[in-house]
């Protein structure tokens, strides 16, 4: 049968596109939350300089690193249903 060699159907393409769209929305939301959280935590409310100082840069680096670690851990816990070893 020739149908087994055919590409994805229109319905399958629509489902794949929908999943990709949801993944993109999730990633944009995650990035926005990360940016907001780390900015509010690490950057002084009164801007004294046009660029971040060393302390703010270090804080943001640590904040982003911890945010990704926690996000990955939560993803693993949700994916497996049990804590990682």
Protein backbone atom coordinates (compact mmCIF):
# COMPACT_ATOMS: atom_id res chain seq x y z
CA UNK A 1 0.00 0.00 0.00
CA UNK A 2 1.32 3.43 -0.93
CA UNK A 3 -0.34 5.12 2.05
CA UNK A 4 2.38 3.87 4.44
CA UNK A 5 5.00 5.96 2.60
CA UNK A 6 2.87 9.10 2.56
CA UNK A 7 3.74 12.05 4.82
CA UNK A 8 1.62 13.19 7.75
CA UNK A 9 -2.02 13.91 7.08
CA UNK A 10 -3.50 17.39 7.33
CA UNK A 11 -4.90 16.53 10.77
CA UNK A 12 -1.51 15.29 11.97
CA UNK A 13 0.18 18.42 10.64
CA UNK A 14 -2.38 20.56 12.47
CA UNK A 15 -1.78 18.65 15.70
CA UNK A 16 2.00 18.97 15.34
CA UNK A 17 1.67 22.70 14.66
CA UNK A 18 -0.62 23.08 17.69
CA UNK A 19 1.87 21.30 19.94
CA UNK A 20 4.73 23.44 18.62
CA UNK A 21 2.67 26.57 19.20
CA UNK A 22 1.92 25.56 22.81
CA UNK A 23 5.61 24.77 23.39
CA UNK A 24 6.58 28.21 22.07
CA UNK A 25 3.99 29.90 24.31
CA UNK A 26 5.32 27.96 27.30
CA UNK A 27 8.92 28.95 26.55
CA UNK A 28 8.02 32.62 26.08
CA UNK A 29 6.10 32.61 29.37
CA UNK A 30 9.00 30.88 31.14
CA UNK A 31 11.49 33.41 29.75
CA UNK A 32 9.27 36.33 30.78
CA UNK A 33 8.89 34.97 34.32
CA UNK A 34 12.62 34.32 34.61
CA UNK A 35 13.46 37.82 33.36
CA UNK A 36 10.97 39.50 35.67
CA UNK A 37 11.93 37.45 38.73
CA UNK A 38 15.69 37.90 38.36
CA UNK A 39 15.45 41.58 37.40
CA UNK A 40 13.26 42.39 40.41
CA UNK A 41 15.52 40.42 42.72
CA UNK A 42 18.90 41.65 41.48
CA UNK A 43 18.60 45.15 40.05
CA UNK A 44 18.23 48.18 42.30
CA UNK A 45 15.06 50.19 41.82
CA UNK A 46 17.00 53.46 41.58
CA UNK A 47 19.14 53.36 38.47
CA UNK A 48 22.51 54.95 39.12
CA UNK A 49 24.32 53.70 36.03
CA UNK A 50 23.32 52.84 32.48
CA UNK A 51 24.77 49.32 32.79
CA UNK A 52 24.58 46.58 35.40
CA UNK A 53 27.34 46.57 38.01
CA UNK A 54 29.37 43.47 38.91
CA UNK A 55 27.15 42.59 41.87
CA UNK A 56 23.98 42.80 39.77
CA UNK A 57 25.58 40.72 37.01
CA UNK A 58 26.64 38.04 39.49
CA UNK A 59 23.21 38.01 41.10
CA UNK A 60 21.49 37.63 37.72
CA UNK A 61 23.87 34.81 36.71
CA UNK A 62 23.11 32.92 39.94
CA UNK A 63 19.38 33.64 39.71
CA UNK A 64 19.10 32.40 36.12
CA UNK A 65 21.16 29.31 36.91
CA UNK A 66 19.00 28.40 39.92
CA UNK A 67 15.80 29.15 37.99
CA UNK A 68 16.80 26.72 35.20
CA UNK A 69 17.91 24.06 37.69
CA UNK A 70 14.58 24.22 39.50
CA UNK A 71 12.65 24.28 36.23
CA UNK A 72 14.50 21.16 35.02
CA UNK A 73 13.96 19.41 38.35
CA UNK A 74 10.23 20.14 38.30
CA UNK A 75 10.06 18.93 34.70
CA UNK A 76 11.77 15.68 35.68
CA UNK A 77 9.44 15.20 38.65
CA UNK A 78 6.37 15.81 36.52
CA UNK A 79 7.68 13.60 33.72
CA UNK A 80 8.56 10.58 35.84
CA UNK A 81 6.26 10.93 38.83
CA UNK A 82 9.17 10.29 41.18
CA UNK A 83 12.21 12.24 42.38
CA UNK A 84 15.45 11.97 40.34
CA UNK A 85 18.29 9.97 41.86
